[in-house]
Amino acid sequence: MTDMLNENMNEEFDNILNLTDEEGNEFEYEVIDAIEYNGEEFAVLLPVEDVIDAEVIILAVEVDEEGMENFLSVDDVETLEAVYKIFKEKNKDAFNFVD
């Protein structure tokens, strides 16, 4: 599944997602990385606007029977922290991390 995400990230606009919050507001996010952790796939997203002080969002990626990717919120704090740690290590030269 990581290969599928990485393939999509190479195609123009395939790495942009529109997410809607609880109030119906839409926001654009760019998929900046795909991380595998404990046999599951996760997408790391960054807001398209206001990138300077932005925080990443980590979503679980599931592929349904039709091959469509579904992005799901992750409630487990330990999983989020572990995926973020992998992301930081993998991208330490590409981003300025502030904890």
PDB file of N, CA and C in Angstrom:
ATOM      1  N   MET A   1       0.819  -1.189   0.000  1.00  0.00           N
ATOM      2  CA  MET A   1       0.000   0.000   0.000  1.00  0.00           C
ATOM      3  C   MET A   1       0.868   1.261   0.000  1.00  0.00           C
ATOM      4  N   THR A   2       2.018   1.230   0.628  1.00  0.00           N
ATOM      5  CA  THR A   2       2.903   2.392   0.615  1.00  0.00           C
ATOM      6  C   THR A   2       3.271   2.741  -0.816  1.00  0.00           C
ATOM      7  N   ASP A   3       3.525   1.736  -1.652  1.00  0.00           N
ATOM      8  CA  ASP A   3       3.876   1.990  -3.037  1.00  0.00           C
ATOM      9  C   ASP A   3       2.761   2.732  -3.755  1.00  0.00           C
ATOM     10  N   MET A   4       1.506   2.376  -3.463  1.00  0.00           N
ATOM     11  CA  MET A   4       0.381   3.027  -4.100  1.00  0.00           C
ATOM     12  C   MET A   4       0.344   4.505  -3.725  1.00  0.00           C
ATOM     13  N   LEU A   5       0.539   4.820  -2.454  1.00  0.00           N
ATOM     14  CA  LEU A   5       0.534   6.211  -2.024  1.00  0.00           C
ATOM     15  C   LEU A   5       1.688   6.969  -2.662  1.00  0.00           C
ATOM     16  N   ASN A   6       2.861   6.379  -2.688  1.00  0.00           N
ATOM     17  CA  ASN A   6       4.005   7.051  -3.267  1.00  0.00           C
ATOM     18  C   ASN A   6       3.811   7.275  -4.762  1.00  0.00           C
ATOM     19  N   GLU A   7       3.203   6.309  -5.455  1.00  0.00           N
ATOM     20  CA  GLU A   7       2.915   6.485  -6.874  1.00  0.00           C
ATOM     21  C   GLU A   7       1.994   7.666  -7.072  1.00  0.00           C
ATOM     22  N   ASN A   8       0.943   7.740  -6.275  1.00  0.00           N
ATOM     23  CA  ASN A   8      -0.010   8.832  -6.386  1.00  0.00           C
ATOM     24  C   ASN A   8       0.639  10.165  -6.084  1.00  0.00           C
ATOM     25  N   MET A   9       1.590  10.208  -5.183  1.00  0.00           N
ATOM     26  CA  MET A   9       2.207  11.466  -4.812  1.00  0.00           C
ATOM     27  C   MET A   9       3.046  12.015  -5.962  1.00  0.00           C
ATOM     28  N   ASN A  10       3.436  11.184  -6.892  1.00  0.00           N
ATOM     29  CA  ASN A  10       4.234  11.645  -8.012  1.00  0.00           C
ATOM     30  C   ASN A  10       3.384  12.263  -9.114  1.00  0.00           C
ATOM     31  N   GLU A  11       2.077  12.034  -9.097  1.00  0.00           N
ATOM     32  CA  GLU A  11       1.206  12.580 -10.118  1.00  0.00           C
ATOM     33  C   GLU A  11       0.647  13.911  -9.632  1.00  0.00           C
ATOM     34  N   GLU A  12       0.594  14.890 -10.546  1.00  0.00           N
ATOM     35  CA  GLU A  12       0.136  16.226 -10.180  1.00  0.00           C
ATOM     36  C   GLU A  12      -1.279  16.175  -9.614  1.00  0.00           C
ATOM     37  N   PHE A  13      -1.492  16.820  -8.491  1.00  0.00           N
ATOM     38  CA  PHE A  13      -2.760  16.981  -7.782  1.00  0.00           C
ATOM     39  C   PHE A  13      -3.261  15.708  -7.104  1.00  0.00           C
ATOM     40  N   ASP A  14      -2.674  14.564  -7.335  1.00  0.00           N
ATOM     41  CA  ASP A  14      -3.144  13.354  -6.678  1.00  0.00           C
ATOM     42  C   ASP A  14      -2.801  13.345  -5.200  1.00  0.00           C
ATOM     43  N   ASN A  15      -1.924  14.222  -4.778  1.00  0.00           N
ATOM     44  CA  ASN A  15      -1.535  14.225  -3.376  1.00  0.00           C
ATOM     45  C   ASN A  15      -2.266  15.308  -2.580  1.00  0.00           C
ATOM     46  N   ILE A  16      -3.314  15.913  -3.160  1.00  0.00           N
ATOM     47  CA  ILE A  16      -4.100  16.914  -2.454  1.00  0.00           C
ATOM     48  C   ILE A  16      -5.425  16.303  -2.038  1.00  0.00           C
ATOM     49  N   LEU A  17      -5.752  16.455  -0.747  1.00  0.00           N
ATOM     50  CA  LEU A  17      -7.026  15.959  -0.213  1.00  0.00           C
ATOM     51  C   LEU A  17      -7.835  17.132   0.302  1.00  0.00           C
ATOM     52  N   ASN A  18      -9.129  17.079   0.101  1.00  0.00           N
ATOM     53  CA  ASN A  18     -10.042  18.049   0.700  1.00  0.00           C
ATOM     54  C   ASN A  18     -10.693  17.378   1.895  1.00  0.00           C
ATOM     55  N   LEU A  19     -10.469  17.930   3.083  1.00  0.00           N
ATOM     56  CA  LEU A  19     -11.063  17.391   4.307  1.00  0.00           C
ATOM     57  C   LEU A  19     -12.078  18.384   4.841  1.00  0.00           C
ATOM     58  N   THR A  20     -13.149  17.866   5.429  1.00  0.00           N
ATOM     59  CA  THR A  20     -14.211  18.701   5.973  1.00  0.00           C
ATOM     60  C   THR A  20     -14.268  18.513   7.484  1.00  0.00           C
ATOM     61  N   ASP A  21     -14.303  19.643   8.221  1.00  0.00           N
ATOM     62  CA  ASP A  21     -14.390  19.554   9.677  1.00  0.00           C
ATOM     63  C   ASP A  21     -15.839  19.373  10.121  1.00  0.00           C
ATOM     64  N   GLU A  22     -16.061  19.318  11.435  1.00  0.00           N
ATOM     65  CA  GLU A  22     -17.382  19.068  12.002  1.00  0.00           C
ATOM     66  C   GLU A  22     -18.389  20.155  11.634  1.00  0.00           C
ATOM     67  N   GLU A  23     -17.903  21.345  11.319  1.00  0.00           N
ATOM     68  CA  GLU A  23     -18.785  22.461  11.002  1.00  0.00           C
ATOM     69  C   GLU A  23     -19.025  22.616   9.509  1.00  0.00           C
ATOM     70  N   GLY A  24     -18.487  21.691   8.709  1.00  0.00           N
ATOM     71  CA  GLY A  24     -18.693  21.723   7.272  1.00  0.00           C
ATOM     72  C   GLY A  24     -17.683  22.555   6.499  1.00  0.00           C
ATOM     73  N   ASN A  25     -16.649  23.064   7.181  1.00  0.00           N
ATOM     74  CA  ASN A  25     -15.610  23.843   6.512  1.00  0.00           C
ATOM     75  C   ASN A  25     -14.630  22.912   5.818  1.00  0.00           C
ATOM     76  N   GLU A  26     -14.305  23.229   4.551  1.00  0.00           N
ATOM     77  CA  GLU A  26     -13.360  22.405   3.788  1.00  0.00           C
ATOM     78  C   GLU A  26     -11.961  22.990   3.851  1.00  0.00           C
ATOM     79  N   PHE A  27     -10.975  22.102   3.954  1.00  0.00           N
ATOM     80  CA  PHE A  27      -9.574  22.486   3.987  1.00  0.00           C
ATOM     81  C   PHE A  27      -8.797  21.569   3.055  1.00  0.00           C
ATOM     82  N   GLU A  28      -7.783  22.122   2.382  1.00  0.00           N
ATOM     83  CA  GLU A  28      -6.938  21.328   1.506  1.00  0.00           C
ATOM     84  C   GLU A  28      -5.669  20.915   2.236  1.00  0.00           C
ATOM     85  N   TYR A  29      -5.318  19.647   2.090  1.00  0.00           N
ATOM     86  CA  TYR A  29      -4.100  19.097   2.685  1.00  0.00           C
ATOM     87  C   TYR A  29      -3.314  18.371   1.611  1.00  0.00           C
ATOM     88  N   GLU A  30      -1.998  18.435   1.728  1.00  0.00           N
ATOM     89  CA  GLU A  30      -1.115  17.710   0.830  1.00  0.00           C
ATOM     90  C   GLU A  30      -0.579  16.474   1.560  1.00  0.00           C
ATOM     91  N   VAL A  31      -0.651  15.328   0.901  1.00  0.00           N
ATOM     92  CA  VAL A  31      -0.064  14.110   1.446  1.00  0.00           C
ATOM     93  C   VAL A  31       1.438  14.219   1.213  1.00  0.00           C
ATOM     94  N   ILE A  32       2.205  14.353   2.308  1.00  0.00           N
ATOM     95  CA  ILE A  32       3.642  14.560   2.171  1.00  0.00           C
ATOM     96  C   ILE A  32       4.462  13.306   2.439  1.00  0.00           C
ATOM     97  N   ASP A  33       3.825  12.271   3.011  1.00  0.00           N
ATOM     98  CA  ASP A  33       4.559  11.031   3.253  1.00  0.00           C
ATOM     99  C   ASP A  33       3.583   9.902   3.528  1.00  0.00           C
ATOM    100  N   ALA A  34       4.052   8.697   3.338  1.00  0.00           N
ATOM    101  CA  ALA A  34       3.318   7.478   3.668  1.00  0.00           C
ATOM    102  C   ALA A  34       4.207   6.662   4.590  1.00  0.00           C
ATOM    103  N   ILE A  35       3.665   6.260   5.725  1.00  0.00           N
ATOM    104  CA  ILE A  35       4.425   5.533   6.746  1.00  0.00           C
ATOM    105  C   ILE A  35       3.733   4.204   7.024  1.00  0.00           C
ATOM    106  N   GLU A  36       4.518   3.142   7.091  1.00  0.00           N
ATOM    107  CA  GLU A  36       3.982   1.852   7.506  1.00  0.00           C
ATOM    108  C   GLU A  36       4.381   1.627   8.955  1.00  0.00           C
ATOM    109  N   TYR A  37       3.404   1.222   9.768  1.00  0.00           N
ATOM    110  CA  TYR A  37       3.661   0.974  11.184  1.00  0.00           C
ATOM    111  C   TYR A  37       2.744  -0.145  11.649  1.00  0.00           C
ATOM    112  N   ASN A  38       3.328  -1.174  12.264  1.00  0.00           N
ATOM    113  CA  ASN A  38       2.576  -2.323  12.779  1.00  0.00           C
ATOM    114  C   ASN A  38       1.621  -2.912  11.747  1.00  0.00           C
ATOM    115  N   GLY A  39       2.079  -3.019  10.504  1.00  0.00           N
ATOM    116  CA  GLY A  39       1.272  -3.622   9.461  1.00  0.00           C
ATOM    117  C   GLY A  39       0.168  -2.740   8.911  1.00  0.00           C
ATOM    118  N   GLU A  40       0.120  -1.503   9.346  1.00  0.00           N
ATOM    119  CA  GLU A  40      -0.893  -0.570   8.858  1.00  0.00           C
ATOM    120  C   GLU A  40      -0.215   0.570   8.113  1.00  0.00           C
ATOM    121  N   GLU A  41      -0.975   1.219   7.241  1.00  0.00           N
ATOM    122  CA  GLU A  41      -0.468   2.346   6.475  1.00  0.00           C
ATOM    123  C   GLU A  41      -1.049   3.643   7.020  1.00  0.00           C
ATOM    124  N   PHE A  42      -0.216   4.676   7.034  1.00  0.00           N
ATOM    125  CA  PHE A  42      -0.632   5.989   7.510  1.00  0.00           C
ATOM    126  C   PHE A  42      -0.175   7.047   6.516  1.00  0.00           C
ATOM    127  N   ALA A  43      -1.004   8.057   6.342  1.00  0.00           N
ATOM    128  CA  ALA A  43      -0.658   9.188   5.491  1.00  0.00           C
ATOM    129  C   ALA A  43      -0.371  10.375   6.398  1.00  0.00           C
ATOM    130  N   VAL A  44       0.702  11.098   6.091  1.00  0.00           N
ATOM    131  CA  VAL A  44       1.055  12.310   6.827  1.00  0.00           C
ATOM    132  C   VAL A  44       0.682  13.480   5.924  1.00  0.00           C
ATOM    133  N   LEU A  45      -0.170  14.365   6.453  1.00  0.00           N
ATOM    134  CA  LEU A  45      -0.695  15.473   5.669  1.00  0.00           C
ATOM    135  C   LEU A  45      -0.251  16.810   6.245  1.00  0.00           C
ATOM    136  N   LEU A  46      -0.120  17.789   5.352  1.00  0.00           N
ATOM    137  CA  LEU A  46       0.245  19.149   5.729  1.00  0.00           C
ATOM    138  C   LEU A  46      -0.742  20.088   5.056  1.00  0.00           C
ATOM    139  N   PRO A  47      -1.258  21.096   5.775  1.00  0.00           N
ATOM    140  CA  PRO A  47      -2.193  22.035   5.145  1.00  0.00           C
ATOM    141  C   PRO A  47      -1.544  22.719   3.950  1.00  0.00           C
ATOM    142  N   VAL A  48      -2.309  22.931   2.901  1.00  0.00           N
ATOM    143  CA  VAL A  48      -1.792  23.600   1.713  1.00  0.00           C
ATOM    144  C   VAL A  48      -1.534  25.075   2.024  1.00  0.00           C
ATOM    145  N   GLU A  49      -2.415  25.692   2.815  1.00  0.00           N
ATOM    146  CA  GLU A  49      -2.245  27.091   3.200  1.00  0.00           C
ATOM    147  C   GLU A  49      -1.605  27.171   4.587  1.00  0.00           C
ATOM    148  N   ASP A  50      -0.953  28.283   4.859  1.00  0.00           N
ATOM    149  CA  ASP A  50      -0.334  28.534   6.168  1.00  0.00           C
ATOM    150  C   ASP A  50       0.624  27.425   6.585  1.00  0.00           C
ATOM    151  N   VAL A  51       1.552  27.087   5.722  1.00  0.00           N
ATOM    152  CA  VAL A  51       2.481  25.981   5.957  1.00  0.00           C
ATOM    153  C   VAL A  51       3.580  26.346   6.954  1.00  0.00           C
ATOM    154  N   ILE A  52       3.859  27.614   7.159  1.00  0.00           N
ATOM    155  CA  ILE A  52       4.988  28.042   7.995  1.00  0.00           C
ATOM    156  C   ILE A  52       4.936  27.430   9.389  1.00  0.00           C
ATOM    157  N   ASP A  53       3.851  27.578  10.104  1.00  0.00           N
ATOM    158  CA  ASP A  53       3.733  27.053  11.472  1.00  0.00           C
ATOM    159  C   ASP A  53       2.739  25.901  11.563  1.00  0.00           C
ATOM    160  N   ALA A  54       2.538  25.206  10.473  1.00  0.00           N
ATOM    161  CA  ALA A  54       1.513  24.168  10.409  1.00  0.00           C
ATOM    162  C   ALA A  54       1.921  22.914  11.166  1.00  0.00           C
ATOM    163  N   GLU A  55       0.907  22.230  11.640  1.00  0.00           N
ATOM    164  CA  GLU A  55       1.089  20.920  12.254  1.00  0.00           C
ATOM    165  C   GLU A  55       0.629  19.871  11.259  1.00  0.00           C
ATOM    166  N   VAL A  56       1.316  18.735  11.238  1.00  0.00           N
ATOM    167  CA  VAL A  56       0.901  17.657  10.346  1.00  0.00           C
ATOM    168  C   VAL A  56      -0.302  16.932  10.937  1.00  0.00           C
ATOM    169  N   ILE A  57      -1.031  16.289  10.064  1.00  0.00           N
ATOM    170  CA  ILE A  57      -2.146  15.432  10.448  1.00  0.00           C
ATOM    171  C   ILE A  57      -1.790  14.028   9.989  1.00  0.00           C
ATOM    172  N   ILE A  58      -2.027  13.065  10.849  1.00  0.00           N
ATOM    173  CA  ILE A  58      -1.749  11.668  10.518  1.00  0.00           C
ATOM    174  C   ILE A  58      -3.078  10.929  10.450  1.00  0.00           C
ATOM    175  N   LEU A  59      -3.322  10.288   9.305  1.00  0.00           N
ATOM    176  CA  LEU A  59      -4.542   9.517   9.112  1.00  0.00           C
ATOM    177  C   LEU A  59      -4.191   8.092   8.704  1.00  0.00           C
ATOM    178  N   ALA A  60      -5.004   7.142   9.157  1.00  0.00           N
ATOM    179  CA  ALA A  60      -4.839   5.755   8.730  1.00  0.00           C
ATOM    180  C   ALA A  60      -5.388   5.625   7.313  1.00  0.00           C
ATOM    181  N   VAL A  61      -4.751   4.770   6.520  1.00  0.00           N
ATOM    182  CA  VAL A  61      -5.187   4.552   5.138  1.00  0.00           C
ATOM    183  C   VAL A  61      -5.691   3.122   5.022  1.00  0.00           C
ATOM    184  N   GLU A  62      -6.926   2.997   4.575  1.00  0.00           N
ATOM    185  CA  GLU A  62      -7.497   1.682   4.305  1.00  0.00           C
ATOM    186  C   GLU A  62      -7.964   1.653   2.869  1.00  0.00           C
ATOM    187  N   VAL A  63      -7.779   0.516   2.221  1.00  0.00           N
ATOM    188  CA  VAL A  63      -8.244   0.349   0.847  1.00  0.00           C
ATOM    189  C   VAL A  63      -9.447  -0.581   0.870  1.00  0.00           C
ATOM    190  N   ASP A  64     -10.562  -0.117   0.287  1.00  0.00           N
ATOM    191  CA  ASP A  64     -11.772  -0.931   0.285  1.00  0.00           C
ATOM    192  C   ASP A  64     -11.740  -1.969  -0.843  1.00  0.00           C
ATOM    193  N   GLU A  65     -12.819  -2.732  -0.964  1.00  0.00           N
ATOM    194  CA  GLU A  65     -12.888  -3.814  -1.942  1.00  0.00           C
ATOM    195  C   GLU A  65     -12.737  -3.316  -3.373  1.00  0.00           C
ATOM    196  N   GLU A  66     -13.092  -2.052  -3.621  1.00  0.00           N
ATOM    197  CA  GLU A  66     -13.027  -1.483  -4.963  1.00  0.00           C
ATOM    198  C   GLU A  66     -11.691  -0.805  -5.247  1.00  0.00           C
ATOM    199  N   GLY A  67     -10.751  -0.893  -4.285  1.00  0.00           N
ATOM    200  CA  GLY A  67      -9.442  -0.293  -4.468  1.00  0.00           C
ATOM    201  C   GLY A  67      -9.371   1.185  -4.131  1.00  0.00           C
ATOM    202  N   MET A  68     -10.432   1.728  -3.554  1.00  0.00           N
ATOM    203  CA  MET A  68     -10.457   3.137  -3.173  1.00  0.00           C
ATOM    204  C   MET A  68      -9.792   3.319  -1.811  1.00  0.00           C
ATOM    205  N   GLU A  69      -8.954   4.357  -1.707  1.00  0.00           N
ATOM    206  CA  GLU A  69      -8.302   4.658  -0.445  1.00  0.00           C
ATOM    207  C   GLU A  69      -9.249   5.461   0.445  1.00  0.00           C
ATOM    208  N   ASN A  70      -9.363   5.044   1.691  1.00  0.00           N
ATOM    209  CA  ASN A  70     -10.142   5.762   2.684  1.00  0.00           C
ATOM    210  C   ASN A  70      -9.195   6.244   3.763  1.00  0.00           C
ATOM    211  N   PHE A  71      -9.334   7.499   4.173  1.00  0.00           N
ATOM    212  CA  PHE A  71      -8.472   8.097   5.177  1.00  0.00           C
ATOM    213  C   PHE A  71      -9.274   8.241   6.465  1.00  0.00           C
ATOM    214  N   LEU A  72      -8.778   7.617   7.527  1.00  0.00           N
ATOM    215  CA  LEU A  72      -9.515   7.546   8.787  1.00  0.00           C
ATOM    216  C   LEU A  72      -8.716   8.177   9.917  1.00  0.00           C
ATOM    217  N   SER A  73      -9.422   8.807  10.852  1.00  0.00           N
ATOM    218  CA  SER A  73      -8.740   9.394  12.005  1.00  0.00           C
ATOM    219  C   SER A  73      -8.163   8.283  12.879  1.00  0.00           C
ATOM    220  N   VAL A  74      -7.120   8.634  13.601  1.00  0.00           N
ATOM    221  CA  VAL A  74      -6.435   7.685  14.487  1.00  0.00           C
ATOM    222  C   VAL A  74      -6.623   8.179  15.912  1.00  0.00           C
ATOM    223  N   ASP A  75      -7.253   7.358  16.750  1.00  0.00           N
ATOM    224  CA  ASP A  75      -7.535   7.755  18.122  1.00  0.00           C
ATOM    225  C   ASP A  75      -6.455   7.326  19.112  1.00  0.00           C
ATOM    226  N   ASP A  76      -5.658   6.341  18.740  1.00  0.00           N
ATOM    227  CA  ASP A  76      -4.645   5.804  19.642  1.00  0.00           C
ATOM    228  C   ASP A  76      -3.424   6.729  19.684  1.00  0.00           C
ATOM    229  N   VAL A  77      -3.206   7.374  20.826  1.00  0.00           N
ATOM    230  CA  VAL A  77      -2.119   8.345  20.982  1.00  0.00           C
ATOM    231  C   VAL A  77      -0.757   7.691  20.788  1.00  0.00           C
ATOM    232  N   GLU A  78      -0.574   6.487  21.285  1.00  0.00           N
ATOM    233  CA  GLU A  78       0.715   5.797  21.131  1.00  0.00           C
ATOM    234  C   GLU A  78       1.034   5.543  19.662  1.00  0.00           C
ATOM    235  N   THR A  79       0.041   5.163  18.886  1.00  0.00           N
ATOM    236  CA  THR A  79       0.243   4.943  17.451  1.00  0.00           C
ATOM    237  C   THR A  79       0.599   6.250  16.763  1.00  0.00           C
ATOM    238  N   LEU A  80      -0.127   7.322  17.081  1.00  0.00           N
ATOM    239  CA  LEU A  80       0.167   8.634  16.496  1.00  0.00           C
ATOM    240  C   LEU A  80       1.595   9.070  16.807  1.00  0.00           C
ATOM    241  N   GLU A  81       1.997   8.909  18.044  1.00  0.00           N
ATOM    242  CA  GLU A  81       3.355   9.298  18.442  1.00  0.00           C
ATOM    243  C   GLU A  81       4.418   8.466  17.730  1.00  0.00           C
ATOM    244  N   ALA A  82       4.165   7.183  17.587  1.00  0.00           N
ATOM    245  CA  ALA A  82       5.124   6.300  16.913  1.00  0.00           C
ATOM    246  C   ALA A  82       5.244   6.641  15.428  1.00  0.00           C
ATOM    247  N   VAL A  83       4.124   6.881  14.777  1.00  0.00           N
ATOM    248  CA  VAL A  83       4.148   7.232  13.358  1.00  0.00           C
ATOM    249  C   VAL A  83       4.832   8.583  13.172  1.00  0.00           C
ATOM    250  N   TYR A  84       4.537   9.537  14.049  1.00  0.00           N
ATOM    251  CA  TYR A  84       5.166  10.852  13.956  1.00  0.00           C
ATOM    252  C   TYR A  84       6.680  10.753  14.159  1.00  0.00           C
ATOM    253  N   LYS A  85       7.101   9.911  15.072  1.00  0.00           N
ATOM    254  CA  LYS A  85       8.538   9.713  15.317  1.00  0.00           C
ATOM    255  C   LYS A  85       9.225   9.163  14.061  1.00  0.00           C
ATOM    256  N   ILE A  86       8.594   8.194  13.416  1.00  0.00           N
ATOM    257  CA  ILE A  86       9.142   7.631  12.179  1.00  0.00           C
ATOM    258  C   ILE A  86       9.201   8.714  11.104  1.00  0.00           C
ATOM    259  N   PHE A  87       8.126   9.496  10.991  1.00  0.00           N
ATOM    260  CA  PHE A  87       8.088  10.579  10.010  1.00  0.00           C
ATOM    261  C   PHE A  87       9.208  11.590  10.252  1.00  0.00           C
ATOM    262  N   LYS A  88       9.399  11.985  11.517  1.00  0.00           N
ATOM    263  CA  LYS A  88      10.446  12.956  11.841  1.00  0.00           C
ATOM    264  C   LYS A  88      11.832  12.422  11.488  1.00  0.00           C
ATOM    265  N   GLU A  89      12.098  11.186  11.812  1.00  0.00           N
ATOM    266  CA  GLU A  89      13.408  10.602  11.519  1.00  0.00           C
ATOM    267  C   GLU A  89      13.634  10.516  10.007  1.00  0.00           C
ATOM    268  N   LYS A  90      12.625  10.087   9.305  1.00  0.00           N
ATOM    269  CA  LYS A  90      12.707   9.921   7.859  1.00  0.00           C
ATOM    270  C   LYS A  90      12.879  11.261   7.133  1.00  0.00           C
ATOM    271  N   ASN A  91      12.347  12.337   7.710  1.00  0.00           N
ATOM    272  CA  ASN A  91      12.320  13.642   7.044  1.00  0.00           C
ATOM    273  C   ASN A  91      13.085  14.719   7.801  1.00  0.00           C
ATOM    274  N   LYS A  92      14.047  14.312   8.632  1.00  0.00           N
ATOM    275  CA  LYS A  92      14.761  15.278   9.475  1.00  0.00           C
ATOM    276  C   LYS A  92      15.508  16.330   8.673  1.00  0.00           C
ATOM    277  N   ASP A  93      15.913  16.008   7.456  1.00  0.00           N
ATOM    278  CA  ASP A  93      16.643  16.981   6.634  1.00  0.00           C
ATOM    279  C   ASP A  93      15.717  17.840   5.778  1.00  0.00           C
ATOM    280  N   ALA A  94      14.452  17.456   5.666  1.00  0.00           N
ATOM    281  CA  ALA A  94      13.519  18.156   4.787  1.00  0.00           C
ATOM    282  C   ALA A  94      12.674  19.193   5.518  1.00  0.00           C
ATOM    283  N   PHE A  95      12.482  19.020   6.830  1.00  0.00           N
ATOM    284  CA  PHE A  95      11.603  19.909   7.592  1.00  0.00           C
ATOM    285  C   PHE A  95      12.310  20.434   8.838  1.00  0.00           C
ATOM    286  N   ASN A  96      11.853  21.566   9.308  1.00  0.00           N
ATOM    287  CA  ASN A  96      12.308  22.141  10.570  1.00  0.00           C
ATOM    288  C   ASN A  96      11.279  21.764  11.643  1.00  0.00           C
ATOM    289  N   PHE A  97      11.560  20.759  12.433  1.00  0.00           N
ATOM    290  CA  PHE A  97      10.610  20.288  13.437  1.00  0.00           C
ATOM    291  C   PHE A  97      10.721  21.100  14.711  1.00  0.00           C
ATOM    292  N   VAL A  98       9.576  21.500  15.259  1.00  0.00           N
ATOM    293  CA  VAL A  98       9.502  22.196  16.534  1.00  0.00           C
ATOM    294  C   VAL A  98       8.550  21.425  17.417  1.00  0.00           C
ATOM    295  N   ASP A  99       9.068  20.891  18.510  1.00  0.00           N
ATOM    296  CA  ASP A  99       8.218  20.112  19.426  1.00  0.00           C
ATOM    297  C   ASP A  99       7.764  20.939  20.596  1.00  0.00           C
TER     298      ASP A  99
END
